[in-house]
C-alpha atoms as a PDB file:
ATOM      1  CA  UNK A   1     -10.389 -19.581 -16.737  1.00  0.00           C
ATOM      2  CA  UNK A   2      -7.213 -20.480 -17.784  1.00  0.00           C
ATOM      3  CA  UNK A   3      -6.355 -18.016 -21.135  1.00  0.00           C
ATOM      4  CA  UNK A   4      -7.157 -13.954 -20.333  1.00  0.00           C
ATOM      5  CA  UNK A   5      -9.957 -12.549 -20.906  1.00  0.00           C
ATOM      6  CA  UNK A   6     -11.699  -9.061 -22.196  1.00  0.00           C
ATOM      7  CA  UNK A   7     -15.301  -9.083 -21.496  1.00  0.00           C
ATOM      8  CA  UNK A   8     -17.179  -6.189 -23.432  1.00  0.00           C
ATOM      9  CA  UNK A   9     -20.893  -5.280 -23.240  1.00  0.00           C
ATOM     10  CA  UNK A  10     -22.573  -4.469 -26.797  1.00  0.00           C
ATOM     11  CA  UNK A  11     -25.585  -2.738 -27.988  1.00  0.00           C
ATOM     12  CA  UNK A  12     -26.686  -4.776 -31.141  1.00  0.00           C
ATOM     13  CA  UNK A  13     -24.102  -7.971 -30.906  1.00  0.00           C
ATOM     14  CA  UNK A  14     -25.232  -9.006 -34.519  1.00  0.00           C
ATOM     15  CA  UNK A  15     -24.459  -6.124 -36.230  1.00  0.00           C
ATOM     16  CA  UNK A  16     -20.930  -5.348 -33.876  1.00  0.00           C
ATOM     17  CA  UNK A  17     -18.181  -5.133 -36.481  1.00  0.00           C
ATOM     18  CA  UNK A  18     -16.254  -8.013 -34.421  1.00  0.00           C
ATOM     19  CA  UNK A  19     -13.853  -8.400 -37.322  1.00  0.00           C
ATOM     20  CA  UNK A  20     -12.337  -4.930 -36.817  1.00  0.00           C
ATOM     21  CA  UNK A  21     -12.692  -4.155 -33.375  1.00  0.00           C
ATOM     22  CA  UNK A  22     -11.567  -7.703 -32.128  1.00  0.00           C
ATOM     23  CA  UNK A  23      -8.046  -7.868 -33.217  1.00  0.00           C
ATOM     24  CA  UNK A  24      -7.835  -3.627 -31.591  1.00  0.00           C
ATOM     25  CA  UNK A  25      -8.368  -5.006 -28.445  1.00  0.00           C
ATOM     26  CA  UNK A  26      -6.598  -8.100 -28.386  1.00  0.00           C
ATOM     27  CA  UNK A  27      -3.335  -6.778 -30.011  1.00  0.00           C
ATOM     28  CA  UNK A  28      -3.719  -3.513 -27.382  1.00  0.00           C
ATOM     29  CA  UNK A  29      -1.050  -2.908 -25.147  1.00  0.00           C
ATOM     30  CA  UNK A  30      -2.805  -3.687 -22.203  1.00  0.00           C
ATOM     31  CA  UNK A  31      -2.725  -6.785 -22.537  1.00  0.00           C
ATOM     32  CA  UNK A  32       0.941  -7.463 -22.924  1.00  0.00           C
ATOM     33  CA  UNK A  33       0.477 -11.356 -24.488  1.00  0.00           C
ATOM     34  CA  UNK A  34      -2.585 -10.690 -26.302  1.00  0.00           C
ATOM     35  CA  UNK A  35      -6.272 -11.499 -25.074  1.00  0.00           C
ATOM     36  CA  UNK A  36      -9.320 -13.263 -26.514  1.00  0.00           C
ATOM     37  CA  UNK A  37     -12.282 -11.104 -26.420  1.00  0.00           C
ATOM     38  CA  UNK A  38     -16.208 -11.907 -26.005  1.00  0.00           C
ATOM     39  CA  UNK A  39     -18.114  -9.665 -27.367  1.00  0.00           C
ATOM     40  CA  UNK A  40     -21.617 -10.016 -25.114  1.00  0.00           C
ATOM     41  CA  UNK A  41     -25.394  -8.491 -25.057  1.00  0.00           C
ATOM     42  CA  UNK A  42     -28.635  -9.550 -23.019  1.00  0.00           C
ATOM     43  CA  UNK A  43     -31.726 -11.283 -24.947  1.00  0.00           C
ATOM     44  CA  UNK A  44     -34.884 -10.345 -22.799  1.00  0.00           C
ATOM     45  CA  UNK A  45     -35.762 -13.568 -21.497  1.00  0.00           C
ATOM     46  CA  UNK A  46     -39.191 -13.891 -19.641  1.00  0.00           C
ATOM     47  CA  UNK A  47     -39.520 -13.202 -15.634  1.00  0.00           C
ATOM     48  CA  UNK A  48     -38.063 -16.612 -13.574  1.00  0.00           C
ATOM     49  CA  UNK A  49     -36.600 -17.789 -16.274  1.00  0.00           C
ATOM     50  CA  UNK A  50     -32.849 -18.426 -16.270  1.00  0.00           C
ATOM     51  CA  UNK A  51     -30.825 -15.151 -18.377  1.00  0.00           C
ATOM     52  CA  UNK A  52     -29.990 -15.149 -21.935  1.00  0.00           C
ATOM     53  CA  UNK A  53     -26.973 -13.468 -23.003  1.00  0.00           C
ATOM     54  CA  UNK A  54     -25.824 -13.619 -26.502  1.00  0.00           C
ATOM     55  CA  UNK A  55     -21.684 -13.895 -27.107  1.00  0.00           C
ATOM     56  CA  UNK A  56     -19.456 -13.563 -30.539  1.00  0.00           C
ATOM     57  CA  UNK A  57     -16.280 -14.367 -29.473  1.00  0.00           C
ATOM     58  CA  UNK A  58     -12.690 -13.136 -30.921  1.00  0.00           C
ATOM     59  CA  UNK A  59     -10.162 -15.535 -29.845  1.00  0.00           C
ATOM     60  CA  UNK A  60      -6.111 -14.444 -29.878  1.00  0.00           C
ATOM     61  CA  UNK A  61      -4.533 -15.756 -32.492  1.00  0.00           C
ATOM     62  CA  UNK A  62      -7.373 -17.139 -33.891  1.00  0.00           C
ATOM     63  CA  UNK A  63     -10.330 -14.778 -35.143  1.00  0.00           C
ATOM     64  CA  UNK A  64     -13.972 -15.572 -34.638  1.00  0.00           C
ATOM     65  CA  UNK A  65     -14.787 -18.514 -33.186  1.00  0.00           C
ATOM     66  CA  UNK A  66     -17.834 -20.673 -33.175  1.00  0.00           C
ATOM     67  CA  UNK A  67     -17.349 -21.349 -29.617  1.00  0.00           C
ATOM     68  CA  UNK A  68     -15.188 -20.402 -26.503  1.00  0.00           C
ATOM     69  CA  UNK A  69     -16.086 -22.393 -22.950  1.00  0.00           C
ATOM     70  CA  UNK A  70     -13.395 -20.743 -20.759  1.00  0.00           C
ATOM     71  CA  UNK A  71     -14.666 -17.214 -22.497  1.00  0.00           C
ATOM     72  CA  UNK A  72     -18.914 -18.023 -21.395  1.00  0.00           C
ATOM     73  CA  UNK A  73     -17.073 -18.619 -17.957  1.00  0.00           C
ATOM     74  CA  UNK A  74     -15.728 -15.716 -18.008  1.00  0.00           C
ATOM     75  CA  UNK A  75     -18.241 -13.715 -19.295  1.00  0.00           C
ATOM     76  CA  UNK A  76     -20.815 -14.649 -17.219  1.00  0.00           C
ATOM     77  CA  UNK A  77     -18.324 -14.236 -14.194  1.00  0.00           C
ATOM     78  CA  UNK A  78     -17.637 -10.582 -15.170  1.00  0.00           C
ATOM     79  CA  UNK A  79     -21.515 -10.251 -15.476  1.00  0.00           C
ATOM     80  CA  UNK A  80     -22.269 -11.397 -11.906  1.00  0.00           C
ATOM     81  CA  UNK A  81     -19.064  -8.927 -10.603  1.00  0.00           C
ATOM     82  CA  UNK A  82     -21.137  -5.611 -12.353  1.00  0.00           C
ATOM     83  CA  UNK A  83     -24.205  -6.984 -10.444  1.00  0.00           C
ATOM     84  CA  UNK A  84     -25.755  -7.662 -13.626  1.00  0.00           C
ATOM     85  CA  UNK A  85     -26.898 -12.017 -13.143  1.00  0.00           C
ATOM     86  CA  UNK A  86     -27.961 -11.473  -9.210  1.00  0.00           C
ATOM     87  CA  UNK A  87     -29.253 -15.158  -9.582  1.00  0.00           C
ATOM     88  CA  UNK A  88     -24.938 -16.495 -10.516  1.00  0.00           C
ATOM     89  CA  UNK A  89     -26.428 -18.202 -13.407  1.00  0.00           C
ATOM     90  CA  UNK A  90     -26.901 -17.619 -16.975  1.00  0.00           C
ATOM     91  CA  UNK A  91     -27.214 -19.137 -20.504  1.00  0.00           C
ATOM     92  CA  UNK A  92     -24.445 -18.301 -22.717  1.00  0.00           C
ATOM     93  CA  UNK A  93     -25.525 -18.335 -26.559  1.00  0.00           C
ATOM     94  CA  UNK A  94     -22.530 -18.632 -29.075  1.00  0.00           C
ATOM     95  CA  UNK A  95     -22.794 -19.061 -32.553  1.00  0.00           C
ATOM     96  CA  UNK A  96     -21.847 -22.979 -32.075  1.00  0.00           C
ATOM     97  CA  UNK A  97     -24.520 -23.524 -29.876  1.00  0.00           C
ATOM     98  CA  UNK A  98     -25.717 -23.111 -25.698  1.00  0.00           C
ATOM     99  CA  UNK A  99     -24.390 -23.334 -22.569  1.00  0.00           C
ATOM    100  CA  UNK A 100     -25.060 -22.837 -18.925  1.00  0.00           C
ATOM    101  CA  UNK A 101     -22.514 -21.551 -16.514  1.00  0.00           C
ATOM    102  CA  UNK A 102     -22.873 -21.129 -13.089  1.00  0.00           C
ATOM    103  CA  UNK A 103     -20.816 -19.759 -10.448  1.00  0.00           C
ATOM    104  CA  UNK A 104     -22.353 -20.382  -7.071  1.00  0.00           C
ATOM    105  CA  UNK A 105     -20.558 -18.401  -4.688  1.00  0.00           C
ATOM    106  CA  UNK A 106     -17.281 -16.227  -5.132  1.00  0.00           C
ATOM    107  CA  UNK A 107     -15.040 -18.804  -3.923  1.00  0.00           C
ATOM    108  CA  UNK A 108     -16.756 -21.690  -5.863  1.00  0.00           C
ATOM    109  CA  UNK A 109     -15.171 -23.378  -9.133  1.00  0.00           C
ATOM    110  CA  UNK A 110     -17.555 -21.782 -12.156  1.00  0.00           C
ATOM    111  CA  UNK A 111     -19.656 -24.829 -13.681  1.00  0.00           C
ATOM    112  CA  UNK A 112     -20.277 -25.082 -17.143  1.00  0.00           C
ATOM    113  CA  UNK A 113     -22.736 -27.433 -19.294  1.00  0.00           C
ATOM    114  CA  UNK A 114     -22.953 -28.373 -22.802  1.00  0.00           C
ATOM    115  CA  UNK A 115     -22.773 -30.599 -25.697  1.00  0.00           C
ATOM    116  CA  UNK A 116     -20.154 -31.981 -27.308  1.00  0.00           C
ATOM    117  CA  UNK A 117     -20.256 -31.672 -31.054  1.00  0.00           C
ATOM    118  CA  UNK A 118     -18.124 -32.694 -33.653  1.00  0.00           C
ATOM    119  CA  UNK A 119     -17.285 -29.717 -36.078  1.00  0.00           C
ATOM    120  CA  UNK A 120     -14.411 -31.490 -38.413  1.00  0.00           C
ATOM    121  CA  UNK A 121     -13.500 -34.492 -39.418  1.00  0.00           C
ATOM    122  CA  UNK A 122      -9.810 -34.970 -41.378  1.00  0.00           C
ATOM    123  CA  UNK A 123      -6.299 -36.763 -41.613  1.00  0.00           C
ATOM    124  CA  UNK A 124      -2.915 -35.427 -42.078  1.00  0.00           C
ATOM    125  CA  UNK A 125       0.065 -36.778 -43.120  1.00  0.00           C
ATOM    126  CA  UNK A 126       3.086 -36.794 -40.387  1.00  0.00           C
END
């Protein structure tokens, strides 16, 4: 994934204190170079539909972010390794939008599809 990630499954993700717990995990001695933290939970989906995972992200050095593509990939891989996604794919619902993540086989790359959206424009005086 490029960056180190820690994925946690939590209960009520929208009430979970990401701003409190995120920095505690990010700066834990288990992660000497710090770590991005994904807090996740399943969203009920009808049988036969792609599973949906809700994710809130704490990025090392930045705090809460709207989205994290590598974090969404890490989340799906973690859920697959935990036996929670037998179909090996999911929609990851981030504050900034949905990503479709697919990991076909353990020796393949992880695939991500989603919209690219402009969220900021500015100028800088150098």
